[in-house]
Amino acid sequence: MNILIINGTPRKAGRTRIASKYIADKYQFHLIDLCEQSIPLYTGEDVQNKESAIINLKEMVKNADAIILASPEYHSGMSGALKNALDFLGSEQFSHKPVGLLACAGGGKGGVNCLNNMRTVARGVYANVIPKQLVLDPDSFDNERQTLLPEAAIKIDDLIQELLLYTKISIELKKNT
C-alpha cells in the first residue's frame, strides 16, 4: 500500500511536523513536508503546473492509495500552507481516495474547526474522508525527544488502522471495476 502523509505546517519545529514524521517513520508512509517544499502561492495560472514542486506534489498524491492530511489549527482552520498545496490539487488526484485527518491544537479550542475545514475541502475534491479523525493537544508530545507520548501513539494507531481498512476496501473496489 502506498500511503502519503502531508505535513501541513510551515513551521520546522511545529508539533504537526513531529506527528507527521512519527507517522511516516513508524508506518513507513511517504511524507510531503510543506515546511521543506518550495510550493508557490497558488494563482491558478497554467505556468505553475510546469514547476517541479507542483508536478511532484500532484504525482505523489495521485499515486497514493490513501492520504493523511495533518495541520495545525490556525484561527479555527487549517494552515495556509496546507490550503495552498491543496489548491493545486483536485479530483484527478483525490477522487474516492481514503483520507485521514489529523489536527494539532494549541490554543485550547480543540482543533475541531481545523478538522471540519479540512473535511470540507476534501469533499470539494471528491475525497473519501474516513469517519475517524484525531486532534492532538500540546500535552500529547514529548518536546524534548521530539516525539509523541504513549497515549497519543495509541490514538495515532487507531486512526491508521481505520485508514488502512478503508484503503484495503478502496483497492479491492478498484480491482473489481
N, C-alpha and C. Protein backbone atom coordinates (compact mmCIF):
# COMPACT_ATOMS: atom_id res chain seq x y z
N MET A 1 0.83 -1.18 0.00
CA MET A 1 0.00 0.00 0.00
C MET A 1 0.88 1.24 0.00
N ASN A 2 0.47 2.20 -0.78
CA ASN A 2 1.19 3.46 -0.88
C ASN A 2 0.38 4.54 -0.17
N ILE A 3 0.80 4.88 1.04
CA ILE A 3 0.09 5.89 1.82
C ILE A 3 1.00 7.09 2.01
N LEU A 4 0.40 8.25 1.86
CA LEU A 4 1.12 9.51 1.89
C LEU A 4 0.57 10.39 3.00
N ILE A 5 1.45 10.99 3.77
CA ILE A 5 1.04 11.98 4.75
C ILE A 5 1.57 13.34 4.30
N ILE A 6 0.70 14.33 4.36
CA ILE A 6 1.10 15.70 4.03
C ILE A 6 1.16 16.49 5.32
N ASN A 7 2.38 16.88 5.69
CA ASN A 7 2.59 17.72 6.86
C ASN A 7 2.25 19.15 6.45
N GLY A 8 1.17 19.68 6.98
CA GLY A 8 0.68 20.98 6.57
C GLY A 8 1.19 22.16 7.36
N THR A 9 2.18 21.97 8.19
CA THR A 9 2.70 23.12 8.93
C THR A 9 3.89 23.73 8.21
N PRO A 10 3.95 25.05 8.17
CA PRO A 10 5.14 25.70 7.61
C PRO A 10 6.27 25.81 8.63
N ARG A 11 6.01 25.40 9.88
CA ARG A 11 6.99 25.55 10.96
C ARG A 11 7.89 24.33 11.07
N LYS A 12 9.20 24.57 11.02
CA LYS A 12 10.16 23.47 11.12
C LYS A 12 10.14 22.80 12.48
N ALA A 13 9.76 23.53 13.52
CA ALA A 13 9.74 22.97 14.87
C ALA A 13 8.32 22.77 15.39
N GLY A 14 7.35 22.68 14.48
CA GLY A 14 5.97 22.54 14.90
C GLY A 14 5.59 21.13 15.34
N ARG A 15 4.57 21.05 16.19
CA ARG A 15 4.08 19.75 16.67
C ARG A 15 3.48 18.92 15.53
N THR A 16 2.88 19.58 14.56
CA THR A 16 2.32 18.84 13.42
C THR A 16 3.43 18.12 12.67
N ARG A 17 4.57 18.76 12.58
CA ARG A 17 5.71 18.12 11.90
C ARG A 17 6.20 16.91 12.71
N ILE A 18 6.23 17.05 14.03
CA ILE A 18 6.64 15.92 14.88
C ILE A 18 5.69 14.75 14.65
N ALA A 19 4.39 15.02 14.67
CA ALA A 19 3.39 13.95 14.48
C ALA A 19 3.50 13.34 13.08
N SER A 20 3.68 14.17 12.08
CA SER A 20 3.77 13.68 10.69
C SER A 20 4.99 12.80 10.50
N LYS A 21 6.13 13.24 11.03
CA LYS A 21 7.35 12.44 10.91
C LYS A 21 7.23 11.13 11.69
N TYR A 22 6.59 11.20 12.85
CA TYR A 22 6.36 9.99 13.65
C TYR A 22 5.57 8.97 12.83
N ILE A 23 4.49 9.42 12.21
CA ILE A 23 3.64 8.53 11.41
C ILE A 23 4.41 7.98 10.22
N ALA A 24 5.09 8.86 9.51
CA ALA A 24 5.85 8.42 8.32
C ALA A 24 6.90 7.38 8.70
N ASP A 25 7.61 7.61 9.79
CA ASP A 25 8.67 6.69 10.22
C ASP A 25 8.09 5.37 10.74
N LYS A 26 7.12 5.45 11.63
CA LYS A 26 6.58 4.24 12.25
C LYS A 26 5.88 3.33 11.25
N TYR A 27 5.11 3.91 10.34
CA TYR A 27 4.30 3.11 9.43
C TYR A 27 4.90 3.01 8.04
N GLN A 28 6.05 3.61 7.85
CA GLN A 28 6.76 3.61 6.56
C GLN A 28 5.89 4.19 5.45
N PHE A 29 5.27 5.33 5.75
CA PHE A 29 4.47 6.06 4.77
C PHE A 29 5.36 7.12 4.12
N HIS A 30 4.99 7.54 2.95
CA HIS A 30 5.68 8.64 2.28
C HIS A 30 5.25 9.95 2.93
N LEU A 31 6.14 10.93 2.91
CA LEU A 31 5.87 12.21 3.57
C LEU A 31 6.13 13.36 2.62
N ILE A 32 5.15 14.24 2.50
CA ILE A 32 5.38 15.55 1.89
C ILE A 32 5.40 16.52 3.05
N ASP A 33 6.53 17.18 3.22
CA ASP A 33 6.73 18.10 4.34
C ASP A 33 6.70 19.53 3.81
N LEU A 34 5.58 20.22 4.01
CA LEU A 34 5.40 21.54 3.42
C LEU A 34 6.35 22.59 3.99
N CYS A 35 6.97 22.32 5.13
CA CYS A 35 7.95 23.29 5.63
C CYS A 35 9.28 23.16 4.90
N GLU A 36 9.42 22.12 4.09
CA GLU A 36 10.64 21.93 3.30
C GLU A 36 10.39 22.08 1.80
N GLN A 37 9.15 22.18 1.39
CA GLN A 37 8.81 22.27 -0.03
C GLN A 37 8.78 23.73 -0.48
N SER A 38 9.09 23.94 -1.73
CA SER A 38 9.01 25.28 -2.33
C SER A 38 7.76 25.35 -3.20
N ILE A 39 6.63 25.40 -2.55
CA ILE A 39 5.37 25.47 -3.28
C ILE A 39 4.97 26.94 -3.37
N PRO A 40 4.82 27.44 -4.59
CA PRO A 40 4.47 28.86 -4.74
C PRO A 40 3.04 29.12 -4.31
N LEU A 41 2.73 30.38 -4.10
CA LEU A 41 1.36 30.78 -3.80
C LEU A 41 0.50 30.50 -5.02
N TYR A 42 -0.59 29.77 -4.81
CA TYR A 42 -1.46 29.37 -5.92
C TYR A 42 -2.09 30.60 -6.57
N THR A 43 -1.96 30.67 -7.89
CA THR A 43 -2.57 31.77 -8.65
C THR A 43 -3.57 31.27 -9.68
N GLY A 44 -3.56 29.98 -9.95
CA GLY A 44 -4.45 29.42 -10.96
C GLY A 44 -3.90 29.54 -12.37
N GLU A 45 -2.71 30.09 -12.51
CA GLU A 45 -2.11 30.23 -13.83
C GLU A 45 -1.47 28.92 -14.26
N ASP A 46 -1.66 28.56 -15.51
CA ASP A 46 -1.18 27.28 -16.05
C ASP A 46 0.33 27.09 -15.90
N VAL A 47 1.08 28.17 -15.95
CA VAL A 47 2.54 28.08 -15.87
C VAL A 47 2.99 27.40 -14.58
N GLN A 48 2.21 27.53 -13.51
CA GLN A 48 2.58 26.91 -12.24
C GLN A 48 2.59 25.38 -12.31
N ASN A 49 1.76 24.83 -13.19
CA ASN A 49 1.68 23.37 -13.31
C ASN A 49 2.93 22.76 -13.92
N LYS A 50 3.82 23.59 -14.42
CA LYS A 50 5.07 23.10 -15.01
C LYS A 50 6.23 23.13 -14.01
N GLU A 51 6.00 23.68 -12.83
CA GLU A 51 7.05 23.74 -11.81
C GLU A 51 7.25 22.35 -11.20
N SER A 52 8.51 22.00 -10.96
CA SER A 52 8.82 20.64 -10.48
C SER A 52 8.14 20.33 -9.15
N ALA A 53 8.07 21.29 -8.25
CA ALA A 53 7.43 21.03 -6.95
C ALA A 53 5.95 20.69 -7.12
N ILE A 54 5.29 21.32 -8.07
CA ILE A 54 3.87 21.07 -8.30
C ILE A 54 3.67 19.75 -9.02
N ILE A 55 4.52 19.47 -9.99
CA ILE A 55 4.46 18.18 -10.70
C ILE A 55 4.64 17.04 -9.69
N ASN A 56 5.62 17.17 -8.79
CA ASN A 56 5.90 16.15 -7.78
C ASN A 56 4.73 16.00 -6.81
N LEU A 57 4.18 17.12 -6.36
CA LEU A 57 3.03 17.08 -5.45
C LEU A 57 1.87 16.34 -6.09
N LYS A 58 1.52 16.71 -7.30
CA LYS A 58 0.40 16.07 -7.99
C LYS A 58 0.63 14.58 -8.22
N GLU A 59 1.85 14.23 -8.60
CA GLU A 59 2.19 12.83 -8.85
C GLU A 59 2.10 11.99 -7.59
N MET A 60 2.68 12.52 -6.50
CA MET A 60 2.68 11.76 -5.24
C MET A 60 1.26 11.54 -4.72
N VAL A 61 0.42 12.56 -4.79
CA VAL A 61 -0.95 12.42 -4.30
C VAL A 61 -1.74 11.50 -5.22
N LYS A 62 -1.59 11.65 -6.51
CA LYS A 62 -2.33 10.80 -7.45
C LYS A 62 -1.94 9.33 -7.30
N ASN A 63 -0.66 9.05 -7.07
CA ASN A 63 -0.19 7.68 -6.97
C ASN A 63 -0.43 7.03 -5.61
N ALA A 64 -0.81 7.80 -4.64
CA ALA A 64 -1.06 7.26 -3.31
C ALA A 64 -2.39 6.51 -3.28
N ASP A 65 -2.43 5.46 -2.48
CA ASP A 65 -3.68 4.73 -2.27
C ASP A 65 -4.55 5.42 -1.23
N ALA A 66 -3.91 6.20 -0.35
CA ALA A 66 -4.61 6.94 0.70
C ALA A 66 -3.73 8.10 1.14
N ILE A 67 -4.35 9.08 1.76
CA ILE A 67 -3.66 10.30 2.19
C ILE A 67 -4.02 10.59 3.64
N ILE A 68 -3.07 11.13 4.37
CA ILE A 68 -3.35 11.73 5.67
C ILE A 68 -3.02 13.21 5.54
N LEU A 69 -3.99 14.05 5.87
CA LEU A 69 -3.76 15.48 5.91
C LEU A 69 -3.54 15.87 7.37
N ALA A 70 -2.42 16.52 7.64
CA ALA A 70 -2.09 16.93 9.01
C ALA A 70 -1.86 18.44 9.02
N SER A 71 -2.50 19.11 9.97
CA SER A 71 -2.38 20.56 10.02
C SER A 71 -2.49 21.06 11.45
N PRO A 72 -1.76 22.12 11.76
CA PRO A 72 -2.06 22.83 12.99
C PRO A 72 -3.36 23.60 12.79
N GLU A 73 -4.02 23.92 13.89
CA GLU A 73 -5.20 24.77 13.77
C GLU A 73 -4.77 26.22 13.90
N TYR A 74 -4.99 26.96 12.83
CA TYR A 74 -4.69 28.40 12.81
C TYR A 74 -6.02 29.14 12.66
N HIS A 75 -6.39 29.92 13.65
CA HIS A 75 -7.60 30.74 13.59
C HIS A 75 -8.81 29.93 13.15
N SER A 76 -8.99 28.78 13.77
CA SER A 76 -10.14 27.90 13.54
C SER A 76 -10.16 27.26 12.16
N GLY A 77 -9.01 27.12 11.52
CA GLY A 77 -8.95 26.46 10.22
C GLY A 77 -7.62 25.76 10.04
N MET A 78 -7.44 25.14 8.87
CA MET A 78 -6.17 24.52 8.54
C MET A 78 -5.14 25.60 8.26
N SER A 79 -3.89 25.22 8.20
CA SER A 79 -2.83 26.17 7.89
C SER A 79 -2.96 26.68 6.45
N GLY A 80 -2.49 27.88 6.23
CA GLY A 80 -2.46 28.43 4.88
C GLY A 80 -1.58 27.61 3.96
N ALA A 81 -0.50 27.04 4.52
CA ALA A 81 0.41 26.23 3.71
C ALA A 81 -0.30 24.99 3.15
N LEU A 82 -1.09 24.34 4.00
CA LEU A 82 -1.82 23.15 3.54
C LEU A 82 -2.90 23.54 2.54
N LYS A 83 -3.67 24.57 2.84
CA LYS A 83 -4.72 25.01 1.91
C LYS A 83 -4.12 25.39 0.57
N ASN A 84 -3.00 26.08 0.58
CA ASN A 84 -2.33 26.46 -0.67
C ASN A 84 -1.94 25.21 -1.47
N ALA A 85 -1.36 24.22 -0.81
CA ALA A 85 -0.97 22.99 -1.50
C ALA A 85 -2.21 22.29 -2.08
N LEU A 86 -3.28 22.24 -1.30
CA LEU A 86 -4.50 21.57 -1.77
C LEU A 86 -5.12 22.31 -2.95
N ASP A 87 -4.91 23.61 -3.04
CA ASP A 87 -5.45 24.37 -4.16
C ASP A 87 -4.84 23.94 -5.50
N PHE A 88 -3.65 23.36 -5.47
CA PHE A 88 -3.03 22.85 -6.69
C PHE A 88 -3.58 21.49 -7.10
N LEU A 89 -4.34 20.85 -6.22
CA LEU A 89 -4.82 19.50 -6.44
C LEU A 89 -6.32 19.52 -6.71
N GLY A 90 -6.83 18.40 -7.19
CA GLY A 90 -8.26 18.32 -7.45
C GLY A 90 -8.73 16.89 -7.47
N SER A 91 -9.87 16.68 -8.09
CA SER A 91 -10.46 15.35 -8.11
C SER A 91 -9.59 14.35 -8.88
N GLU A 92 -8.79 14.81 -9.80
CA GLU A 92 -7.89 13.91 -10.52
C GLU A 92 -6.95 13.19 -9.55
N GLN A 93 -6.56 13.85 -8.49
CA GLN A 93 -5.66 13.24 -7.51
C GLN A 93 -6.43 12.58 -6.36
N PHE A 94 -7.61 13.09 -6.02
CA PHE A 94 -8.28 12.67 -4.79
C PHE A 94 -9.55 11.84 -4.96
N SER A 95 -10.14 11.79 -6.13
CA SER A 95 -11.46 11.19 -6.28
C SER A 95 -11.56 9.80 -5.66
N HIS A 96 -12.46 9.66 -4.70
CA HIS A 96 -12.77 8.41 -3.99
C HIS A 96 -11.60 7.84 -3.19
N LYS A 97 -10.56 8.61 -2.98
CA LYS A 97 -9.39 8.15 -2.24
C LYS A 97 -9.63 8.33 -0.74
N PRO A 98 -9.33 7.30 0.06
CA PRO A 98 -9.46 7.45 1.51
C PRO A 98 -8.50 8.51 2.05
N VAL A 99 -9.02 9.36 2.93
CA VAL A 99 -8.24 10.43 3.53
C VAL A 99 -8.49 10.45 5.03
N GLY A 100 -7.40 10.45 5.79
CA GLY A 100 -7.47 10.60 7.24
C GLY A 100 -7.09 12.03 7.62
N LEU A 101 -7.67 12.53 8.70
CA LEU A 101 -7.43 13.90 9.13
C LEU A 101 -6.82 13.94 10.53
N LEU A 102 -5.80 14.80 10.67
CA LEU A 102 -5.11 14.99 11.94
C LEU A 102 -4.91 16.48 12.14
N ALA A 103 -5.36 16.99 13.29
CA ALA A 103 -5.14 18.39 13.64
C ALA A 103 -4.32 18.45 14.91
N CYS A 104 -3.43 19.42 14.97
CA CYS A 104 -2.67 19.69 16.19
C CYS A 104 -3.15 21.03 16.73
N ALA A 105 -3.74 20.97 17.90
CA ALA A 105 -4.31 22.17 18.52
C ALA A 105 -3.32 22.75 19.52
N GLY A 106 -3.45 24.02 19.76
CA GLY A 106 -2.53 24.63 20.70
C GLY A 106 -3.17 25.64 21.61
N GLY A 107 -4.28 26.18 21.22
CA GLY A 107 -4.86 27.28 21.99
C GLY A 107 -6.02 26.89 22.86
N GLY A 108 -6.25 25.62 23.08
CA GLY A 108 -7.34 25.18 23.95
C GLY A 108 -8.69 25.15 23.27
N LYS A 109 -8.74 25.37 21.96
CA LYS A 109 -10.02 25.36 21.25
C LYS A 109 -10.36 23.98 20.72
N GLY A 110 -9.44 23.05 20.78
CA GLY A 110 -9.75 21.68 20.46
C GLY A 110 -9.46 21.17 19.07
N GLY A 111 -9.20 22.03 18.10
CA GLY A 111 -8.83 21.56 16.77
C GLY A 111 -9.97 21.10 15.88
N VAL A 112 -11.19 21.08 16.41
CA VAL A 112 -12.32 20.56 15.64
C VAL A 112 -12.60 21.42 14.41
N ASN A 113 -12.45 22.72 14.53
CA ASN A 113 -12.70 23.58 13.38
C ASN A 113 -11.70 23.32 12.26
N CYS A 114 -10.47 23.02 12.62
CA CYS A 114 -9.46 22.66 11.62
C CYS A 114 -9.88 21.38 10.90
N LEU A 115 -10.31 20.39 11.66
CA LEU A 115 -10.77 19.13 11.06
C LEU A 115 -11.95 19.38 10.12
N ASN A 116 -12.90 20.18 10.55
CA ASN A 116 -14.06 20.49 9.71
C ASN A 116 -13.64 21.21 8.43
N ASN A 117 -12.68 22.13 8.56
CA ASN A 117 -12.17 22.86 7.40
C ASN A 117 -11.51 21.90 6.41
N MET A 118 -10.67 20.99 6.91
CA MET A 118 -10.02 20.02 6.02
C MET A 118 -11.05 19.09 5.39
N ARG A 119 -12.05 18.67 6.16
CA ARG A 119 -13.09 17.78 5.65
C ARG A 119 -13.88 18.46 4.53
N THR A 120 -14.19 19.74 4.70
CA THR A 120 -14.92 20.48 3.68
C THR A 120 -14.12 20.57 2.38
N VAL A 121 -12.85 20.89 2.48
CA VAL A 121 -12.01 21.00 1.29
C VAL A 121 -11.84 19.63 0.64
N ALA A 122 -11.65 18.59 1.45
CA ALA A 122 -11.51 17.24 0.89
C ALA A 122 -12.77 16.81 0.15
N ARG A 123 -13.94 17.16 0.68
CA ARG A 123 -15.19 16.87 -0.04
C ARG A 123 -15.22 17.58 -1.39
N GLY A 124 -14.64 18.78 -1.43
CA GLY A 124 -14.61 19.56 -2.66
C GLY A 124 -13.79 18.94 -3.77
N VAL A 125 -12.87 18.04 -3.40
CA VAL A 125 -12.06 17.34 -4.42
C VAL A 125 -12.47 15.86 -4.51
N TYR A 126 -13.64 15.54 -3.97
CA TYR A 126 -14.25 14.21 -4.05
C TYR A 126 -13.47 13.12 -3.31
N ALA A 127 -12.74 13.51 -2.28
CA ALA A 127 -12.04 12.52 -1.46
C ALA A 127 -13.03 11.80 -0.56
N ASN A 128 -12.65 10.62 -0.10
CA ASN A 128 -13.46 9.83 0.82
C ASN A 128 -12.84 9.96 2.21
N VAL A 129 -13.21 11.00 2.94
CA VAL A 129 -12.65 11.22 4.27
C VAL A 129 -13.23 10.19 5.22
N ILE A 130 -12.37 9.48 5.92
CA ILE A 130 -12.82 8.43 6.84
C ILE A 130 -13.47 9.06 8.07
N PRO A 131 -14.34 8.32 8.74
CA PRO A 131 -15.03 8.88 9.91
C PRO A 131 -14.09 9.23 11.07
N LYS A 132 -13.12 8.38 11.35
CA LYS A 132 -12.22 8.65 12.48
C LYS A 132 -11.32 9.81 12.13
N GLN A 133 -11.19 10.72 13.08
CA GLN A 133 -10.29 11.86 12.93
C GLN A 133 -9.64 12.09 14.27
N LEU A 134 -8.58 12.88 14.30
CA LEU A 134 -7.80 12.98 15.52
C LEU A 134 -7.30 14.40 15.74
N VAL A 135 -7.41 14.84 16.99
CA VAL A 135 -6.80 16.09 17.43
C VAL A 135 -5.76 15.74 18.48
N LEU A 136 -4.55 16.29 18.29
CA LEU A 136 -3.50 16.14 19.29
C LEU A 136 -3.26 17.49 19.95
N ASP A 137 -3.39 17.52 21.25
CA ASP A 137 -3.14 18.73 22.03
C ASP A 137 -1.67 18.79 22.42
N PRO A 138 -1.21 19.93 22.91
CA PRO A 138 0.22 20.05 23.30
C PRO A 138 0.68 18.98 24.30
N ASP A 139 -0.23 18.52 25.17
CA ASP A 139 0.16 17.51 26.16
C ASP A 139 0.29 16.10 25.57
N SER A 140 0.16 15.97 24.26
CA SER A 140 0.34 14.69 23.56
C SER A 140 1.80 14.46 23.16
N PHE A 141 2.65 15.46 23.36
CA PHE A 141 4.00 15.43 22.82
C PHE A 141 5.07 15.41 23.90
N ASP A 142 6.16 14.72 23.60
CA ASP A 142 7.39 14.79 24.38
C ASP A 142 8.30 15.73 23.59
N ASN A 143 8.28 16.99 23.97
CA ASN A 143 9.00 18.01 23.19
C ASN A 143 10.52 17.83 23.25
N GLU A 144 11.03 17.33 24.37
CA GLU A 144 12.48 17.12 24.47
C GLU A 144 12.97 16.09 23.47
N ARG A 145 12.21 15.02 23.32
CA ARG A 145 12.60 13.93 22.42
C ARG A 145 12.00 14.09 21.02
N GLN A 146 11.18 15.12 20.83
CA GLN A 146 10.54 15.38 19.54
C GLN A 146 9.74 14.17 19.05
N THR A 147 8.90 13.66 19.96
CA THR A 147 8.07 12.51 19.61
C THR A 147 6.73 12.61 20.33
N LEU A 148 5.91 11.60 20.15
CA LEU A 148 4.61 11.54 20.80
C LEU A 148 4.69 10.76 22.10
N LEU A 149 3.83 11.09 23.03
CA LEU A 149 3.71 10.31 24.25
C LEU A 149 2.90 9.05 23.96
N PRO A 150 3.03 8.02 24.80
CA PRO A 150 2.37 6.73 24.52
C PRO A 150 0.86 6.81 24.27
N GLU A 151 0.14 7.62 25.03
CA GLU A 151 -1.32 7.72 24.83
C GLU A 151 -1.65 8.28 23.45
N ALA A 152 -0.87 9.25 23.00
CA ALA A 152 -1.08 9.83 21.67
C ALA A 152 -0.72 8.82 20.58
N ALA A 153 0.31 8.02 20.83
CA ALA A 153 0.71 7.00 19.86
C ALA A 153 -0.40 5.97 19.66
N ILE A 154 -1.12 5.65 20.72
CA ILE A 154 -2.25 4.72 20.61
C ILE A 154 -3.37 5.34 19.76
N LYS A 155 -3.63 6.62 19.97
CA LYS A 155 -4.66 7.31 19.18
C LYS A 155 -4.27 7.36 17.71
N ILE A 156 -2.98 7.60 17.45
CA ILE A 156 -2.48 7.59 16.07
C ILE A 156 -2.71 6.21 15.46
N ASP A 157 -2.38 5.17 16.20
CA ASP A 157 -2.54 3.81 15.70
C ASP A 157 -4.00 3.52 15.36
N ASP A 158 -4.92 3.98 16.19
CA ASP A 158 -6.35 3.79 15.90
C ASP A 158 -6.74 4.46 14.58
N LEU A 159 -6.24 5.68 14.37
CA LEU A 159 -6.52 6.40 13.12
C LEU A 159 -5.95 5.63 11.93
N ILE A 160 -4.72 5.16 12.07
CA ILE A 160 -4.06 4.44 10.97
C ILE A 160 -4.78 3.14 10.66
N GLN A 161 -5.20 2.42 11.68
CA GLN A 161 -5.90 1.15 11.45
C GLN A 161 -7.20 1.37 10.69
N GLU A 162 -7.94 2.43 11.02
CA GLU A 162 -9.17 2.70 10.27
C GLU A 162 -8.85 3.13 8.83
N LEU A 163 -7.80 3.94 8.66
CA LEU A 163 -7.42 4.35 7.31
C LEU A 163 -7.00 3.13 6.49
N LEU A 164 -6.27 2.21 7.08
CA LEU A 164 -5.85 1.01 6.36
C LEU A 164 -7.06 0.16 5.94
N LEU A 165 -8.06 0.06 6.81
CA LEU A 165 -9.28 -0.67 6.49
C LEU A 165 -9.96 -0.06 5.26
N TYR A 166 -10.15 1.24 5.27
CA TYR A 166 -10.79 1.91 4.13
C TYR A 166 -9.93 1.81 2.88
N THR A 167 -8.62 1.83 3.05
CA THR A 167 -7.72 1.73 1.90
C THR A 167 -7.81 0.35 1.26
N LYS A 168 -7.84 -0.69 2.08
CA LYS A 168 -7.99 -2.05 1.54
C LYS A 168 -9.30 -2.19 0.77
N ILE A 169 -10.37 -1.65 1.31
CA ILE A 169 -11.66 -1.70 0.63
C ILE A 169 -11.59 -0.95 -0.69
N SER A 170 -10.98 0.22 -0.67
CA SER A 170 -10.85 1.03 -1.88
C SER A 170 -10.05 0.32 -2.96
N ILE A 171 -8.97 -0.32 -2.57
CA ILE A 171 -8.14 -1.06 -3.53
C ILE A 171 -8.93 -2.22 -4.13
N GLU A 172 -9.68 -2.94 -3.30
CA GLU A 172 -10.50 -4.06 -3.79
C GLU A 172 -11.58 -3.58 -4.76
N LEU A 173 -12.21 -2.46 -4.42
CA LEU A 173 -13.25 -1.94 -5.31
C LEU A 173 -12.66 -1.53 -6.66
N LYS A 174 -11.48 -0.97 -6.67
CA LYS A 174 -10.83 -0.58 -7.94
C LYS A 174 -10.51 -1.80 -8.78
N LYS A 175 -10.14 -2.89 -8.14
CA LYS A 175 -9.84 -4.13 -8.87
C LYS A 175 -11.08 -4.68 -9.56
N ASN A 176 -12.23 -4.50 -8.92
CA ASN A 176 -13.48 -5.07 -9.43
C ASN A 176 -14.23 -4.16 -10.38
N THR A 177 -13.66 -3.00 -10.71
CA THR A 177 -14.38 -2.11 -11.64
C THR A 177 -13.66 -1.99 -12.96
